[in-house]
Amino acid sequence: METLITKERTYDISFIPFENKCGLNEDGTYEIAYSGHYIDIRLNEEIFEGKIYEESKSKISFFSSPFPFFREDIEMVKKYLKEKHGIQEFYYLDIDSDEGYVEF
């Protein structure tokens, strides 16, 4: 677990490996297989979740809008993820958007 301390808040960040497979073929291979890390960012009792795929390690996708959770810390969190983990692209799932994931 990692810790990010901003001016007034402390975030605990966990990276949890995952692997998803589906479509088992007769030869034992899978039609679709992908892996990466789920990311849990905790602030007190709240958890904000995202995912980083192994195929696109420089891109993170959050499952909801990050703005209410991080508020004024959003740029500091992005800077931390860029410097510490090489993340260059930031997206979140916008259920009201036709695009699905929106870059921020």
PDB file of N, CA and C in Angstrom:
ATOM      1  N   MET A   1       0.834  -1.166   0.000  1.00  0.00           N
ATOM      2  CA  MET A   1       0.000   0.000   0.000  1.00  0.00           C
ATOM      3  C   MET A   1       0.886   1.238   0.000  1.00  0.00           C
ATOM      4  N   GLU A   2       0.450   2.237  -0.732  1.00  0.00           N
ATOM      5  CA  GLU A   2       1.158   3.507  -0.794  1.00  0.00           C
ATOM      6  C   GLU A   2       0.317   4.565  -0.098  1.00  0.00           C
ATOM      7  N   THR A   3       0.959   5.646   0.304  1.00  0.00           N
ATOM      8  CA  THR A   3       0.258   6.749   0.943  1.00  0.00           C
ATOM      9  C   THR A   3       0.609   8.042   0.222  1.00  0.00           C
ATOM     10  N   LEU A   4      -0.411   8.826  -0.086  1.00  0.00           N
ATOM     11  CA  LEU A   4      -0.236  10.155  -0.671  1.00  0.00           C
ATOM     12  C   LEU A   4      -0.821  11.156   0.308  1.00  0.00           C
ATOM     13  N   ILE A   5       0.004  12.097   0.747  1.00  0.00           N
ATOM     14  CA  ILE A   5      -0.442  13.125   1.678  1.00  0.00           C
ATOM     15  C   ILE A   5      -0.484  14.453   0.934  1.00  0.00           C
ATOM     16  N   THR A   6      -1.655  15.077   0.947  1.00  0.00           N
ATOM     17  CA  THR A   6      -1.814  16.398   0.351  1.00  0.00           C
ATOM     18  C   THR A   6      -1.885  17.409   1.494  1.00  0.00           C
ATOM     19  N   LYS A   7      -2.308  18.606   1.205  1.00  0.00           N
ATOM     20  CA  LYS A   7      -2.352  19.643   2.236  1.00  0.00           C
ATOM     21  C   LYS A   7      -3.186  19.242   3.449  1.00  0.00           C
ATOM     22  N   GLU A   8      -4.365  18.681   3.198  1.00  0.00           N
ATOM     23  CA  GLU A   8      -5.258  18.382   4.316  1.00  0.00           C
ATOM     24  C   GLU A   8      -5.780  16.951   4.334  1.00  0.00           C
ATOM     25  N   ARG A   9      -5.366  16.126   3.380  1.00  0.00           N
ATOM     26  CA  ARG A   9      -5.923  14.787   3.271  1.00  0.00           C
ATOM     27  C   ARG A   9      -4.819  13.759   3.091  1.00  0.00           C
ATOM     28  N   THR A  10      -5.109  12.529   3.535  1.00  0.00           N
ATOM     29  CA  THR A  10      -4.188  11.413   3.365  1.00  0.00           C
ATOM     30  C   THR A  10      -4.922  10.297   2.638  1.00  0.00           C
ATOM     31  N   TYR A  11      -4.383   9.896   1.485  1.00  0.00           N
ATOM     32  CA  TYR A  11      -4.965   8.834   0.668  1.00  0.00           C
ATOM     33  C   TYR A  11      -4.104   7.581   0.787  1.00  0.00           C
ATOM     34  N   ASP A  12      -4.745   6.445   0.986  1.00  0.00           N
ATOM     35  CA  ASP A  12      -4.071   5.153   0.934  1.00  0.00           C
ATOM     36  C   ASP A  12      -4.399   4.528  -0.415  1.00  0.00           C
ATOM     37  N   ILE A  13      -3.369   4.111  -1.136  1.00  0.00           N
ATOM     38  CA  ILE A  13      -3.536   3.616  -2.502  1.00  0.00           C
ATOM     39  C   ILE A  13      -3.068   2.173  -2.574  1.00  0.00           C
ATOM     40  N   SER A  14      -3.944   1.303  -3.060  1.00  0.00           N
ATOM     41  CA  SER A  14      -3.617  -0.118  -3.212  1.00  0.00           C
ATOM     42  C   SER A  14      -3.750  -0.524  -4.672  1.00  0.00           C
ATOM     43  N   PHE A  15      -2.832  -1.363  -5.121  1.00  0.00           N
ATOM     44  CA  PHE A  15      -2.883  -1.946  -6.455  1.00  0.00           C
ATOM     45  C   PHE A  15      -3.112  -3.445  -6.294  1.00  0.00           C
ATOM     46  N   ILE A  16      -4.220  -3.928  -6.842  1.00  0.00           N
ATOM     47  CA  ILE A  16      -4.592  -5.330  -6.700  1.00  0.00           C
ATOM     48  C   ILE A  16      -4.561  -5.989  -8.075  1.00  0.00           C
ATOM     49  N   PRO A  17      -3.679  -6.960  -8.300  1.00  0.00           N
ATOM     50  CA  PRO A  17      -3.601  -7.609  -9.618  1.00  0.00           C
ATOM     51  C   PRO A  17      -4.888  -8.354  -9.954  1.00  0.00           C
ATOM     52  N   PHE A  18      -5.234  -8.337 -11.246  1.00  0.00           N
ATOM     53  CA  PHE A  18      -6.375  -9.127 -11.712  1.00  0.00           C
ATOM     54  C   PHE A  18      -6.045  -9.754 -13.056  1.00  0.00           C
ATOM     55  N   GLU A  19      -6.786 -10.819 -13.365  1.00  0.00           N
ATOM     56  CA  GLU A  19      -6.670 -11.495 -14.656  1.00  0.00           C
ATOM     57  C   GLU A  19      -8.063 -12.006 -15.016  1.00  0.00           C
ATOM     58  N   ASN A  20      -8.521 -11.638 -16.179  1.00  0.00           N
ATOM     59  CA  ASN A  20      -9.829 -12.087 -16.648  1.00  0.00           C
ATOM     60  C   ASN A  20      -9.653 -12.905 -17.925  1.00  0.00           C
ATOM     61  N   LYS A  21     -10.335 -14.042 -17.974  1.00  0.00           N
ATOM     62  CA  LYS A  21     -10.279 -14.925 -19.134  1.00  0.00           C
ATOM     63  C   LYS A  21     -11.688 -15.381 -19.458  1.00  0.00           C
ATOM     64  N   CYS A  22     -11.976 -15.511 -20.735  1.00  0.00           N
ATOM     65  CA  CYS A  22     -13.267 -16.084 -21.129  1.00  0.00           C
ATOM     66  C   CYS A  22     -13.138 -16.728 -22.507  1.00  0.00           C
ATOM     67  N   GLY A  23     -14.062 -17.600 -22.797  1.00  0.00           N
ATOM     68  CA  GLY A  23     -14.060 -18.295 -24.078  1.00  0.00           C
ATOM     69  C   GLY A  23     -12.995 -19.364 -24.163  1.00  0.00           C
ATOM     70  N   LEU A  24     -13.062 -20.361 -23.286  1.00  0.00           N
ATOM     71  CA  LEU A  24     -12.072 -21.436 -23.283  1.00  0.00           C
ATOM     72  C   LEU A  24     -12.199 -22.268 -24.552  1.00  0.00           C
ATOM     73  N   ASN A  25     -11.098 -22.367 -25.274  1.00  0.00           N
ATOM     74  CA  ASN A  25     -11.047 -23.165 -26.494  1.00  0.00           C
ATOM     75  C   ASN A  25     -10.693 -24.613 -26.153  1.00  0.00           C
ATOM     76  N   GLU A  26     -10.897 -25.505 -27.107  1.00  0.00           N
ATOM     77  CA  GLU A  26     -10.599 -26.922 -26.901  1.00  0.00           C
ATOM     78  C   GLU A  26      -9.120 -27.171 -26.610  1.00  0.00           C
ATOM     79  N   ASP A  27      -8.249 -26.316 -27.140  1.00  0.00           N
ATOM     80  CA  ASP A  27      -6.810 -26.503 -26.931  1.00  0.00           C
ATOM     81  C   ASP A  27      -6.312 -25.894 -25.611  1.00  0.00           C
ATOM     82  N   GLY A  28      -7.238 -25.388 -24.793  1.00  0.00           N
ATOM     83  CA  GLY A  28      -6.863 -24.842 -23.496  1.00  0.00           C
ATOM     84  C   GLY A  28      -6.541 -23.358 -23.496  1.00  0.00           C
ATOM     85  N   THR A  29      -6.565 -22.726 -24.663  1.00  0.00           N
ATOM     86  CA  THR A  29      -6.341 -21.287 -24.722  1.00  0.00           C
ATOM     87  C   THR A  29      -7.680 -20.556 -24.582  1.00  0.00           C
ATOM     88  N   TYR A  30      -7.606 -19.254 -24.381  1.00  0.00           N
ATOM     89  CA  TYR A  30      -8.810 -18.440 -24.217  1.00  0.00           C
ATOM     90  C   TYR A  30      -8.959 -17.487 -25.388  1.00  0.00           C
ATOM     91  N   GLU A  31     -10.213 -17.240 -25.764  1.00  0.00           N
ATOM     92  CA  GLU A  31     -10.486 -16.280 -26.830  1.00  0.00           C
ATOM     93  C   GLU A  31     -10.125 -14.870 -26.384  1.00  0.00           C
ATOM     94  N   ILE A  32     -10.426 -14.562 -25.134  1.00  0.00           N
ATOM     95  CA  ILE A  32     -10.123 -13.250 -24.583  1.00  0.00           C
ATOM     96  C   ILE A  32      -9.433 -13.446 -23.242  1.00  0.00           C
ATOM     97  N   ALA A  33      -8.305 -12.782 -23.077  1.00  0.00           N
ATOM     98  CA  ALA A  33      -7.590 -12.814 -21.802  1.00  0.00           C
ATOM     99  C   ALA A  33      -6.905 -11.466 -21.613  1.00  0.00           C
ATOM    100  N   TYR A  34      -7.105 -10.875 -20.461  1.00  0.00           N
ATOM    101  CA  TYR A  34      -6.438  -9.614 -20.165  1.00  0.00           C
ATOM    102  C   TYR A  34      -6.160  -9.532 -18.671  1.00  0.00           C
ATOM    103  N   SER A  35      -5.197  -8.694 -18.333  1.00  0.00           N
ATOM    104  CA  SER A  35      -4.793  -8.569 -16.934  1.00  0.00           C
ATOM    105  C   SER A  35      -4.419  -7.124 -16.656  1.00  0.00           C
ATOM    106  N   GLY A  36      -4.172  -6.859 -15.411  1.00  0.00           N
ATOM    107  CA  GLY A  36      -3.791  -5.519 -14.991  1.00  0.00           C
ATOM    108  C   GLY A  36      -3.911  -5.386 -13.491  1.00  0.00           C
ATOM    109  N   HIS A  37      -4.240  -4.182 -13.062  1.00  0.00           N
ATOM    110  CA  HIS A  37      -4.386  -3.899 -11.632  1.00  0.00           C
ATOM    111  C   HIS A  37      -5.636  -3.065 -11.388  1.00  0.00           C
ATOM    112  N   TYR A  38      -6.399  -3.494 -10.399  1.00  0.00           N
ATOM    113  CA  TYR A  38      -7.421  -2.612  -9.854  1.00  0.00           C
ATOM    114  C   TYR A  38      -6.698  -1.656  -8.929  1.00  0.00           C
ATOM    115  N   ILE A  39      -7.189  -0.437  -8.855  1.00  0.00           N
ATOM    116  CA  ILE A  39      -6.604   0.528  -7.943  1.00  0.00           C
ATOM    117  C   ILE A  39      -7.700   0.998  -6.994  1.00  0.00           C
ATOM    118  N   ASP A  40      -7.434   0.891  -5.708  1.00  0.00           N
ATOM    119  CA  ASP A  40      -8.335   1.381  -4.668  1.00  0.00           C
ATOM    120  C   ASP A  40      -7.656   2.558  -3.989  1.00  0.00           C
ATOM    121  N   ILE A  41      -8.327   3.687  -3.986  1.00  0.00           N
ATOM    122  CA  ILE A  41      -7.809   4.867  -3.304  1.00  0.00           C
ATOM    123  C   ILE A  41      -8.761   5.151  -2.151  1.00  0.00           C
ATOM    124  N   ARG A  42      -8.219   5.083  -0.957  1.00  0.00           N
ATOM    125  CA  ARG A  42      -9.049   5.231   0.252  1.00  0.00           C
ATOM    126  C   ARG A  42      -8.789   6.574   0.917  1.00  0.00           C
ATOM    127  N   LEU A  43      -9.882   7.154   1.350  1.00  0.00           N
ATOM    128  CA  LEU A  43      -9.839   8.365   2.162  1.00  0.00           C
ATOM    129  C   LEU A  43     -10.820   8.142   3.300  1.00  0.00           C
ATOM    130  N   ASN A  44     -10.293   7.951   4.495  1.00  0.00           N
ATOM    131  CA  ASN A  44     -11.116   7.573   5.648  1.00  0.00           C
ATOM    132  C   ASN A  44     -11.851   6.282   5.305  1.00  0.00           C
ATOM    133  N   GLU A  45     -13.164   6.292   5.297  1.00  0.00           N
ATOM    134  CA  GLU A  45     -13.942   5.082   5.005  1.00  0.00           C
ATOM    135  C   GLU A  45     -14.391   5.012   3.542  1.00  0.00           C
ATOM    136  N   GLU A  46     -14.118   6.034   2.756  1.00  0.00           N
ATOM    137  CA  GLU A  46     -14.521   6.060   1.353  1.00  0.00           C
ATOM    138  C   GLU A  46     -13.466   5.377   0.485  1.00  0.00           C
ATOM    139  N   ILE A  47     -13.939   4.728  -0.580  1.00  0.00           N
ATOM    140  CA  ILE A  47     -13.036   4.077  -1.531  1.00  0.00           C
ATOM    141  C   ILE A  47     -13.385   4.550  -2.936  1.00  0.00           C
ATOM    142  N   PHE A  48     -12.360   4.959  -3.676  1.00  0.00           N
ATOM    143  CA  PHE A  48     -12.522   5.346  -5.072  1.00  0.00           C
ATOM    144  C   PHE A  48     -11.763   4.321  -5.897  1.00  0.00           C
ATOM    145  N   GLU A  49     -12.413   3.754  -6.927  1.00  0.00           N
ATOM    146  CA  GLU A  49     -11.837   2.615  -7.642  1.00  0.00           C
ATOM    147  C   GLU A  49     -11.571   2.912  -9.116  1.00  0.00           C
ATOM    148  N   GLY A  50     -10.541   2.238  -9.617  1.00  0.00           N
ATOM    149  CA  GLY A  50     -10.191   2.342 -11.016  1.00  0.00           C
ATOM    150  C   GLY A  50      -9.494   1.073 -11.481  1.00  0.00           C
ATOM    151  N   LYS A  51      -9.007   1.132 -12.727  1.00  0.00           N
ATOM    152  CA  LYS A  51      -8.385  -0.043 -13.329  1.00  0.00           C
ATOM    153  C   LYS A  51      -7.279   0.405 -14.284  1.00  0.00           C
ATOM    154  N   ILE A  52      -6.185  -0.340 -14.259  1.00  0.00           N
ATOM    155  CA  ILE A  52      -5.082  -0.144 -15.201  1.00  0.00           C
ATOM    156  C   ILE A  52      -4.854  -1.477 -15.890  1.00  0.00           C
ATOM    157  N   TYR A  53      -4.978  -1.506 -17.217  1.00  0.00           N
ATOM    158  CA  TYR A  53      -4.758  -2.740 -17.968  1.00  0.00           C
ATOM    159  C   TYR A  53      -3.277  -2.921 -18.271  1.00  0.00           C
ATOM    160  N   GLU A  54      -2.833  -4.151 -18.273  1.00  0.00           N
ATOM    161  CA  GLU A  54      -1.437  -4.476 -18.574  1.00  0.00           C
ATOM    162  C   GLU A  54      -1.047  -3.981 -19.971  1.00  0.00           C
ATOM    163  N   GLU A  55      -1.984  -4.049 -20.913  1.00  0.00           N
ATOM    164  CA  GLU A  55      -1.706  -3.651 -22.297  1.00  0.00           C
ATOM    165  C   GLU A  55      -1.552  -2.141 -22.448  1.00  0.00           C
ATOM    166  N   SER A  56      -2.076  -1.380 -21.493  1.00  0.00           N
ATOM    167  CA  SER A  56      -1.999   0.083 -21.562  1.00  0.00           C
ATOM    168  C   SER A  56      -1.654   0.636 -20.181  1.00  0.00           C
ATOM    169  N   LYS A  57      -0.442   0.368 -19.748  1.00  0.00           N
ATOM    170  CA  LYS A  57      -0.007   0.720 -18.397  1.00  0.00           C
ATOM    171  C   LYS A  57       0.020   2.227 -18.135  1.00  0.00           C
ATOM    172  N   SER A  58       0.023   3.032 -19.177  1.00  0.00           N
ATOM    173  CA  SER A  58       0.075   4.484 -18.984  1.00  0.00           C
ATOM    174  C   SER A  58      -1.318   5.115 -18.944  1.00  0.00           C
ATOM    175  N   LYS A  59      -2.350   4.300 -18.870  1.00  0.00           N
ATOM    176  CA  LYS A  59      -3.731   4.792 -18.874  1.00  0.00           C
ATOM    177  C   LYS A  59      -4.487   4.224 -17.676  1.00  0.00           C
ATOM    178  N   ILE A  60      -5.187   5.096 -16.959  1.00  0.00           N
ATOM    179  CA  ILE A  60      -6.014   4.657 -15.844  1.00  0.00           C
ATOM    180  C   ILE A  60      -7.461   5.045 -16.132  1.00  0.00           C
ATOM    181  N   SER A  61      -8.369   4.151 -15.795  1.00  0.00           N
ATOM    182  CA  SER A  61      -9.801   4.395 -15.977  1.00  0.00           C
ATOM    183  C   SER A  61     -10.483   4.228 -14.627  1.00  0.00           C
ATOM    184  N   PHE A  62     -11.136   5.301 -14.181  1.00  0.00           N
ATOM    185  CA  PHE A  62     -11.888   5.248 -12.934  1.00  0.00           C
ATOM    186  C   PHE A  62     -13.336   4.900 -13.238  1.00  0.00           C
ATOM    187  N   PHE A  63     -14.000   4.281 -12.272  1.00  0.00           N
ATOM    188  CA  PHE A  63     -15.364   3.787 -12.470  1.00  0.00           C
ATOM    189  C   PHE A  63     -16.427   4.850 -12.256  1.00  0.00           C
ATOM    190  N   SER A  64     -16.034   6.051 -11.821  1.00  0.00           N
ATOM    191  CA  SER A  64     -16.962   7.171 -11.653  1.00  0.00           C
ATOM    192  C   SER A  64     -16.160   8.472 -11.705  1.00  0.00           C
ATOM    193  N   SER A  65     -16.843   9.576 -11.657  1.00  0.00           N
ATOM    194  CA  SER A  65     -16.175  10.878 -11.728  1.00  0.00           C
ATOM    195  C   SER A  65     -15.272  11.093 -10.512  1.00  0.00           C
ATOM    196  N   PRO A  66     -14.034  11.497 -10.753  1.00  0.00           N
ATOM    197  CA  PRO A  66     -13.102  11.694  -9.644  1.00  0.00           C
ATOM    198  C   PRO A  66     -13.259  13.041  -8.931  1.00  0.00           C
ATOM    199  N   PHE A  67     -13.962  13.972  -9.535  1.00  0.00           N
ATOM    200  CA  PHE A  67     -14.017  15.330  -9.013  1.00  0.00           C
ATOM    201  C   PHE A  67     -14.655  15.432  -7.621  1.00  0.00           C
ATOM    202  N   PRO A  68     -15.792  14.773  -7.357  1.00  0.00           N
ATOM    203  CA  PRO A  68     -16.353  14.866  -5.997  1.00  0.00           C
ATOM    204  C   PRO A  68     -15.465  14.215  -4.930  1.00  0.00           C
ATOM    205  N   PHE A  69     -14.743  13.182  -5.291  1.00  0.00           N
ATOM    206  CA  PHE A  69     -13.905  12.465  -4.322  1.00  0.00           C
ATOM    207  C   PHE A  69     -12.625  13.247  -4.005  1.00  0.00           C
ATOM    208  N   PHE A  70     -11.918  13.666  -5.032  1.00  0.00           N
ATOM    209  CA  PHE A  70     -10.624  14.325  -4.822  1.00  0.00           C
ATOM    210  C   PHE A  70     -10.735  15.831  -4.604  1.00  0.00           C
ATOM    211  N   ARG A  71     -11.783  16.419  -5.130  1.00  0.00           N
ATOM    212  CA  ARG A  71     -12.000  17.865  -5.029  1.00  0.00           C
ATOM    213  C   ARG A  71     -10.745  18.628  -5.463  1.00  0.00           C
ATOM    214  N   GLU A  72     -10.236  19.488  -4.600  1.00  0.00           N
ATOM    215  CA  GLU A  72      -9.095  20.337  -4.971  1.00  0.00           C
ATOM    216  C   GLU A  72      -7.785  19.565  -5.076  1.00  0.00           C
ATOM    217  N   ASP A  73      -7.760  18.313  -4.670  1.00  0.00           N
ATOM    218  CA  ASP A  73      -6.540  17.494  -4.732  1.00  0.00           C
ATOM    219  C   ASP A  73      -6.341  16.802  -6.079  1.00  0.00           C
ATOM    220  N   ILE A  74      -7.251  16.976  -7.004  1.00  0.00           N
ATOM    221  CA  ILE A  74      -7.218  16.165  -8.229  1.00  0.00           C
ATOM    222  C   ILE A  74      -5.908  16.328  -8.998  1.00  0.00           C
ATOM    223  N   GLU A  75      -5.396  17.536  -9.111  1.00  0.00           N
ATOM    224  CA  GLU A  75      -4.152  17.740  -9.852  1.00  0.00           C
ATOM    225  C   GLU A  75      -2.960  17.130  -9.122  1.00  0.00           C
ATOM    226  N   MET A  76      -2.976  17.156  -7.801  1.00  0.00           N
ATOM    227  CA  MET A  76      -1.895  16.535  -7.027  1.00  0.00           C
ATOM    228  C   MET A  76      -1.919  15.015  -7.186  1.00  0.00           C
ATOM    229  N   VAL A  77      -3.112  14.439  -7.216  1.00  0.00           N
ATOM    230  CA  VAL A  77      -3.238  12.991  -7.401  1.00  0.00           C
ATOM    231  C   VAL A  77      -2.749  12.601  -8.795  1.00  0.00           C
ATOM    232  N   LYS A  78      -3.150  13.365  -9.803  1.00  0.00           N
ATOM    233  CA  LYS A  78      -2.691  13.083 -11.167  1.00  0.00           C
ATOM    234  C   LYS A  78      -1.164  13.188 -11.258  1.00  0.00           C
ATOM    235  N   LYS A  79      -0.599  14.212 -10.661  1.00  0.00           N
ATOM    236  CA  LYS A  79       0.853  14.393 -10.680  1.00  0.00           C
ATOM    237  C   LYS A  79       1.549  13.203 -10.009  1.00  0.00           C
ATOM    238  N   TYR A  80       1.025  12.765  -8.872  1.00  0.00           N
ATOM    239  CA  TYR A  80       1.586  11.621  -8.161  1.00  0.00           C
ATOM    240  C   TYR A  80       1.569  10.370  -9.040  1.00  0.00           C
ATOM    241  N   LEU A  81       0.424  10.078  -9.661  1.00  0.00           N
ATOM    242  CA  LEU A  81       0.299   8.889 -10.506  1.00  0.00           C
ATOM    243  C   LEU A  81       1.190   8.984 -11.743  1.00  0.00           C
ATOM    244  N   LYS A  82       1.371  10.182 -12.277  1.00  0.00           N
ATOM    245  CA  LYS A  82       2.273  10.374 -13.419  1.00  0.00           C
ATOM    246  C   LYS A  82       3.718  10.093 -13.017  1.00  0.00           C
ATOM    247  N   GLU A  83       4.145  10.708 -11.929  1.00  0.00           N
ATOM    248  CA  GLU A  83       5.545  10.593 -11.518  1.00  0.00           C
ATOM    249  C   GLU A  83       5.884   9.213 -10.957  1.00  0.00           C
ATOM    250  N   LYS A  84       5.002   8.648 -10.159  1.00  0.00           N
ATOM    251  CA  LYS A  84       5.298   7.385  -9.468  1.00  0.00           C
ATOM    252  C   LYS A  84       5.017   6.157 -10.336  1.00  0.00           C
ATOM    253  N   HIS A  85       3.998   6.247 -11.218  1.00  0.00           N
ATOM    254  CA  HIS A  85       3.560   5.058 -11.958  1.00  0.00           C
ATOM    255  C   HIS A  85       3.525   5.237 -13.479  1.00  0.00           C
ATOM    256  N   GLY A  86       3.930   6.385 -13.977  1.00  0.00           N
ATOM    257  CA  GLY A  86       3.986   6.596 -15.414  1.00  0.00           C
ATOM    258  C   GLY A  86       2.632   6.732 -16.095  1.00  0.00           C
ATOM    259  N   ILE A  87       1.596   7.018 -15.338  1.00  0.00           N
ATOM    260  CA  ILE A  87       0.264   7.197 -15.917  1.00  0.00           C
ATOM    261  C   ILE A  87       0.244   8.515 -16.683  1.00  0.00           C
ATOM    262  N   GLN A  88      -0.188   8.481 -17.924  1.00  0.00           N
ATOM    263  CA  GLN A  88      -0.244   9.680 -18.753  1.00  0.00           C
ATOM    264  C   GLN A  88      -1.669  10.038 -19.178  1.00  0.00           C
ATOM    265  N   GLU A  89      -2.557   9.053 -19.170  1.00  0.00           N
ATOM    266  CA  GLU A  89      -3.939   9.280 -19.607  1.00  0.00           C
ATOM    267  C   GLU A  89      -4.884   8.949 -18.465  1.00  0.00           C
ATOM    268  N   PHE A  90      -5.827   9.839 -18.224  1.00  0.00           N
ATOM    269  CA  PHE A  90      -6.780   9.692 -17.120  1.00  0.00           C
ATOM    270  C   PHE A  90      -8.202   9.741 -17.674  1.00  0.00           C
ATOM    271  N   TYR A  91      -8.982   8.709 -17.359  1.00  0.00           N
ATOM    272  CA  TYR A  91     -10.368   8.607 -17.830  1.00  0.00           C
ATOM    273  C   TYR A  91     -11.283   8.247 -16.662  1.00  0.00           C
ATOM    274  N   TYR A  92     -12.549   8.591 -16.814  1.00  0.00           N
ATOM    275  CA  TYR A  92     -13.556   8.120 -15.864  1.00  0.00           C
ATOM    276  C   TYR A  92     -14.822   7.762 -16.620  1.00  0.00           C
ATOM    277  N   LEU A  93     -15.584   6.846 -16.074  1.00  0.00           N
ATOM    278  CA  LEU A  93     -16.829   6.398 -16.671  1.00  0.00           C
ATOM    279  C   LEU A  93     -17.909   7.435 -16.407  1.00  0.00           C
ATOM    280  N   ASP A  94     -18.463   7.976 -17.480  1.00  0.00           N
ATOM    281  CA  ASP A  94     -19.551   8.949 -17.386  1.00  0.00           C
ATOM    282  C   ASP A  94     -20.800   8.281 -17.951  1.00  0.00           C
ATOM    283  N   ILE A  95     -21.686   7.841 -17.078  1.00  0.00           N
ATOM    284  CA  ILE A  95     -22.870   7.095 -17.531  1.00  0.00           C
ATOM    285  C   ILE A  95     -23.830   7.966 -18.329  1.00  0.00           C
ATOM    286  N   ASP A  96     -23.679   9.279 -18.251  1.00  0.00           N
ATOM    287  CA  ASP A  96     -24.549  10.182 -19.007  1.00  0.00           C
ATOM    288  C   ASP A  96     -23.969  10.539 -20.377  1.00  0.00           C
ATOM    289  N   SER A  97     -22.788  10.065 -20.667  1.00  0.00           N
ATOM    290  CA  SER A  97     -22.117  10.395 -21.921  1.00  0.00           C
ATOM    291  C   SER A  97     -22.295   9.270 -22.938  1.00  0.00           C
ATOM    292  N   ASP A  98     -22.428   9.645 -24.192  1.00  0.00           N
ATOM    293  CA  ASP A  98     -22.489   8.650 -25.264  1.00  0.00           C
ATOM    294  C   ASP A  98     -21.136   7.974 -25.474  1.00  0.00           C
ATOM    295  N   GLU A  99     -20.079   8.629 -25.050  1.00  0.00           N
ATOM    296  CA  GLU A  99     -18.724   8.107 -25.236  1.00  0.00           C
ATOM    297  C   GLU A  99     -18.355   7.037 -24.214  1.00  0.00           C
ATOM    298  N   GLY A 100     -19.034   7.016 -23.078  1.00  0.00           N
ATOM    299  CA  GLY A 100     -18.692   6.071 -22.015  1.00  0.00           C
ATOM    300  C   GLY A 100     -17.615   6.630 -21.128  1.00  0.00           C
ATOM    301  N   TYR A 101     -16.346   6.405 -21.476  1.00  0.00           N
ATOM    302  CA  TYR A 101     -15.240   6.940 -20.691  1.00  0.00           C
ATOM    303  C   TYR A 101     -14.831   8.297 -21.240  1.00  0.00           C
ATOM    304  N   VAL A 102     -14.599   9.235 -20.330  1.00  0.00           N
ATOM    305  CA  VAL A 102     -14.259  10.623 -20.677  1.00  0.00           C
ATOM    306  C   VAL A 102     -12.880  10.930 -20.121  1.00  0.00           C
ATOM    307  N   GLU A 103     -12.056  11.551 -20.947  1.00  0.00           N
ATOM    308  CA  GLU A 103     -10.711  11.935 -20.501  1.00  0.00           C
ATOM    309  C   GLU A 103     -10.786  13.192 -19.653  1.00  0.00           C
ATOM    310  N   PHE A 104      -9.943  13.254 -18.629  1.00  0.00           N
ATOM    311  CA  PHE A 104      -9.889  14.468 -17.820  1.00  0.00           C
ATOM    312  C   PHE A 104      -8.447  14.854 -17.517  1.00  0.00           C
TER     313      PHE A 104
END
